[in-house]
Amino acid sequence: MAERALEELQIGELVQWYESYAEGFMTKDAGYGIVVAVNKYELGFTQGKHTNYTVYRNKHSDTMRFTREELEILNEQ
């Protein structure tokens, strides 16, 4: 099975985030935000580094961590 190749995000990028229910296939909430941190770490039971992103959510005025699959880069226009 092929995997999508998603480019890594940089601090300061404007993104649209999607928060899912625990089942992982239904969207609970969505909005816009700014990437404020890139977190990379080893999980210990898989190969390679795991990356997630801390995003300041404008809608809720808080920060939350998302995987790359839960974020979309907003095009500059």
N, C-alpha and C. Protein backbone atom coordinates (compact mmCIF):
# COMPACT_ATOMS: atom_id res chain seq x y z
N MET A 1 0.83 -1.17 0.00
CA MET A 1 0.00 0.00 0.00
C MET A 1 0.88 1.24 0.00
N ALA A 2 0.61 2.17 -0.88
CA ALA A 2 1.40 3.39 -0.99
C ALA A 2 0.97 4.40 0.08
N GLU A 3 1.93 5.19 0.52
CA GLU A 3 1.65 6.23 1.50
C GLU A 3 1.78 7.59 0.83
N ARG A 4 1.00 8.56 1.33
CA ARG A 4 1.12 9.92 0.81
C ARG A 4 2.40 10.54 1.33
N ALA A 5 3.06 11.27 0.47
CA ALA A 5 4.27 12.00 0.87
C ALA A 5 3.85 13.44 1.17
N LEU A 6 3.80 13.77 2.46
CA LEU A 6 3.41 15.12 2.87
C LEU A 6 4.65 15.89 3.29
N GLU A 7 4.79 17.10 2.79
CA GLU A 7 5.94 17.90 3.17
C GLU A 7 5.81 18.32 4.63
N GLU A 8 6.96 18.52 5.25
CA GLU A 8 6.94 18.95 6.65
C GLU A 8 6.55 20.42 6.73
N LEU A 9 5.92 20.76 7.81
CA LEU A 9 5.50 22.15 8.04
C LEU A 9 6.58 22.89 8.81
N GLN A 10 6.59 24.19 8.66
CA GLN A 10 7.54 25.06 9.34
C GLN A 10 6.79 25.91 10.37
N ILE A 11 7.52 26.34 11.38
CA ILE A 11 6.95 27.24 12.38
C ILE A 11 6.50 28.52 11.67
N GLY A 12 5.29 28.98 12.00
CA GLY A 12 4.76 30.21 11.42
C GLY A 12 3.83 29.99 10.24
N GLU A 13 3.71 28.75 9.75
CA GLU A 13 2.83 28.50 8.61
C GLU A 13 1.36 28.53 9.04
N LEU A 14 0.52 29.10 8.19
CA LEU A 14 -0.91 29.15 8.42
C LEU A 14 -1.52 27.85 7.90
N VAL A 15 -2.29 27.18 8.76
CA VAL A 15 -2.85 25.87 8.42
C VAL A 15 -4.34 25.80 8.76
N GLN A 16 -5.00 24.83 8.16
CA GLN A 16 -6.35 24.47 8.59
C GLN A 16 -6.21 23.14 9.30
N TRP A 17 -6.77 23.05 10.51
CA TRP A 17 -6.67 21.84 11.31
C TRP A 17 -8.01 21.13 11.37
N TYR A 18 -7.94 19.82 11.58
CA TYR A 18 -9.14 18.99 11.71
C TYR A 18 -8.98 18.12 12.94
N GLU A 19 -9.92 18.23 13.87
CA GLU A 19 -9.91 17.41 15.08
C GLU A 19 -10.93 16.28 14.88
N SER A 20 -10.48 15.04 15.07
CA SER A 20 -11.34 13.88 14.83
C SER A 20 -11.84 13.28 16.13
N TYR A 21 -12.95 12.56 16.03
CA TYR A 21 -13.41 11.74 17.14
C TYR A 21 -12.44 10.59 17.33
N ALA A 22 -12.53 9.84 18.43
CA ALA A 22 -11.61 8.75 18.74
C ALA A 22 -11.58 7.68 17.65
N GLU A 23 -12.69 7.47 16.94
CA GLU A 23 -12.71 6.47 15.89
C GLU A 23 -11.78 6.85 14.74
N GLY A 24 -11.52 8.15 14.58
CA GLY A 24 -10.55 8.63 13.62
C GLY A 24 -11.07 8.95 12.24
N PHE A 25 -12.34 8.72 11.95
CA PHE A 25 -12.82 8.97 10.60
C PHE A 25 -13.87 10.06 10.51
N MET A 26 -14.39 10.54 11.62
CA MET A 26 -15.37 11.63 11.61
C MET A 26 -14.74 12.88 12.21
N THR A 27 -14.97 14.01 11.58
CA THR A 27 -14.42 15.27 12.07
C THR A 27 -15.32 15.86 13.14
N LYS A 28 -14.69 16.18 14.29
CA LYS A 28 -15.42 16.77 15.41
C LYS A 28 -15.41 18.29 15.34
N ASP A 29 -14.28 18.85 14.88
CA ASP A 29 -14.13 20.30 14.84
C ASP A 29 -13.05 20.63 13.80
N ALA A 30 -13.07 21.84 13.32
CA ALA A 30 -12.08 22.30 12.35
C ALA A 30 -11.93 23.80 12.47
N GLY A 31 -10.80 24.30 12.03
CA GLY A 31 -10.57 25.74 12.06
C GLY A 31 -9.21 26.08 11.50
N TYR A 32 -8.79 27.33 11.74
CA TYR A 32 -7.52 27.83 11.23
C TYR A 32 -6.57 28.06 12.39
N GLY A 33 -5.28 27.98 12.09
CA GLY A 33 -4.29 28.20 13.13
C GLY A 33 -2.91 28.41 12.56
N ILE A 34 -1.94 28.58 13.47
CA ILE A 34 -0.56 28.83 13.11
C ILE A 34 0.31 27.79 13.80
N VAL A 35 1.24 27.20 13.06
CA VAL A 35 2.18 26.24 13.64
C VAL A 35 3.14 27.00 14.54
N VAL A 36 3.19 26.63 15.82
CA VAL A 36 4.08 27.31 16.77
C VAL A 36 5.26 26.44 17.21
N ALA A 37 5.19 25.11 16.96
CA ALA A 37 6.30 24.23 17.31
C ALA A 37 6.22 22.95 16.48
N VAL A 38 7.40 22.41 16.18
CA VAL A 38 7.51 21.12 15.49
C VAL A 38 8.15 20.17 16.49
N ASN A 39 7.47 19.06 16.79
CA ASN A 39 7.93 18.11 17.80
C ASN A 39 8.31 16.80 17.13
N LYS A 40 9.58 16.37 17.29
CA LYS A 40 10.04 15.10 16.72
C LYS A 40 10.59 14.24 17.86
N TYR A 41 10.19 12.97 17.87
CA TYR A 41 10.67 12.08 18.91
C TYR A 41 10.55 10.63 18.48
N GLU A 42 11.30 9.77 19.16
CA GLU A 42 11.27 8.34 18.92
C GLU A 42 10.20 7.72 19.81
N LEU A 43 9.38 6.86 19.23
CA LEU A 43 8.36 6.18 20.02
C LEU A 43 8.91 4.95 20.73
N GLY A 44 9.98 4.36 20.19
CA GLY A 44 10.59 3.21 20.83
C GLY A 44 10.12 1.87 20.30
N PHE A 45 8.96 1.83 19.68
CA PHE A 45 8.45 0.56 19.15
C PHE A 45 8.26 0.60 17.63
N THR A 46 8.67 1.69 16.98
CA THR A 46 8.62 1.79 15.52
C THR A 46 9.94 2.35 15.02
N GLN A 47 10.18 2.20 13.74
CA GLN A 47 11.39 2.73 13.13
C GLN A 47 11.20 4.20 12.76
N GLY A 48 12.21 4.99 12.95
CA GLY A 48 12.17 6.39 12.54
C GLY A 48 11.53 7.30 13.57
N LYS A 49 11.63 8.57 13.27
CA LYS A 49 11.08 9.59 14.18
C LYS A 49 9.61 9.86 13.87
N HIS A 50 8.87 10.19 14.92
CA HIS A 50 7.47 10.59 14.82
C HIS A 50 7.44 12.11 14.94
N THR A 51 6.66 12.75 14.08
CA THR A 51 6.57 14.21 14.09
C THR A 51 5.12 14.63 14.33
N ASN A 52 4.94 15.57 15.24
CA ASN A 52 3.64 16.23 15.35
C ASN A 52 3.87 17.72 15.49
N TYR A 53 2.80 18.48 15.38
CA TYR A 53 2.89 19.93 15.31
C TYR A 53 1.99 20.56 16.36
N THR A 54 2.54 21.53 17.09
CA THR A 54 1.73 22.30 18.03
C THR A 54 1.18 23.49 17.26
N VAL A 55 -0.14 23.62 17.28
CA VAL A 55 -0.83 24.65 16.50
C VAL A 55 -1.63 25.55 17.44
N TYR A 56 -1.44 26.87 17.28
CA TYR A 56 -2.30 27.83 17.99
C TYR A 56 -3.61 27.89 17.21
N ARG A 57 -4.71 27.53 17.88
CA ARG A 57 -6.02 27.51 17.22
C ARG A 57 -6.72 28.85 17.46
N ASN A 58 -6.93 29.61 16.40
CA ASN A 58 -7.57 30.92 16.52
C ASN A 58 -8.98 30.81 17.08
N LYS A 59 -9.71 29.80 16.67
CA LYS A 59 -11.10 29.62 17.07
C LYS A 59 -11.27 29.46 18.58
N HIS A 60 -10.33 28.77 19.22
CA HIS A 60 -10.43 28.47 20.65
C HIS A 60 -9.41 29.21 21.50
N SER A 61 -8.51 29.97 20.88
CA SER A 61 -7.44 30.70 21.58
C SER A 61 -6.63 29.78 22.49
N ASP A 62 -6.23 28.60 21.95
CA ASP A 62 -5.41 27.67 22.71
C ASP A 62 -4.44 26.98 21.77
N THR A 63 -3.63 26.06 22.29
CA THR A 63 -2.74 25.27 21.45
C THR A 63 -3.13 23.81 21.57
N MET A 64 -2.87 23.07 20.49
CA MET A 64 -3.18 21.64 20.46
C MET A 64 -2.20 20.98 19.51
N ARG A 65 -1.87 19.71 19.76
CA ARG A 65 -0.95 18.98 18.90
C ARG A 65 -1.71 18.18 17.85
N PHE A 66 -1.19 18.22 16.62
CA PHE A 66 -1.80 17.52 15.50
C PHE A 66 -0.73 16.75 14.74
N THR A 67 -1.14 15.65 14.10
CA THR A 67 -0.25 14.96 13.17
C THR A 67 -0.34 15.68 11.83
N ARG A 68 0.56 15.36 10.93
CA ARG A 68 0.58 16.03 9.61
C ARG A 68 -0.71 15.74 8.83
N GLU A 69 -1.26 14.56 8.99
CA GLU A 69 -2.48 14.18 8.27
C GLU A 69 -3.70 15.00 8.70
N GLU A 70 -3.65 15.62 9.87
CA GLU A 70 -4.76 16.41 10.37
C GLU A 70 -4.64 17.90 10.01
N LEU A 71 -3.62 18.25 9.24
CA LEU A 71 -3.37 19.64 8.89
C LEU A 71 -3.30 19.82 7.39
N GLU A 72 -3.77 20.97 6.92
CA GLU A 72 -3.64 21.37 5.52
C GLU A 72 -3.00 22.74 5.48
N ILE A 73 -2.04 22.91 4.58
CA ILE A 73 -1.41 24.22 4.41
C ILE A 73 -2.37 25.12 3.65
N LEU A 74 -2.53 26.34 4.13
CA LEU A 74 -3.37 27.30 3.41
C LEU A 74 -2.50 28.04 2.41
N ASN A 75 -2.95 28.09 1.19
CA ASN A 75 -2.20 28.77 0.13
C ASN A 75 -2.25 30.27 0.33
N GLU A 76 -1.12 30.91 0.09
CA GLU A 76 -1.07 32.36 0.17
C GLU A 76 -1.69 32.94 -1.08
N GLN A 77 -2.58 33.89 -0.93
CA GLN A 77 -3.25 34.49 -2.07
C GLN A 77 -3.22 35.99 -1.98
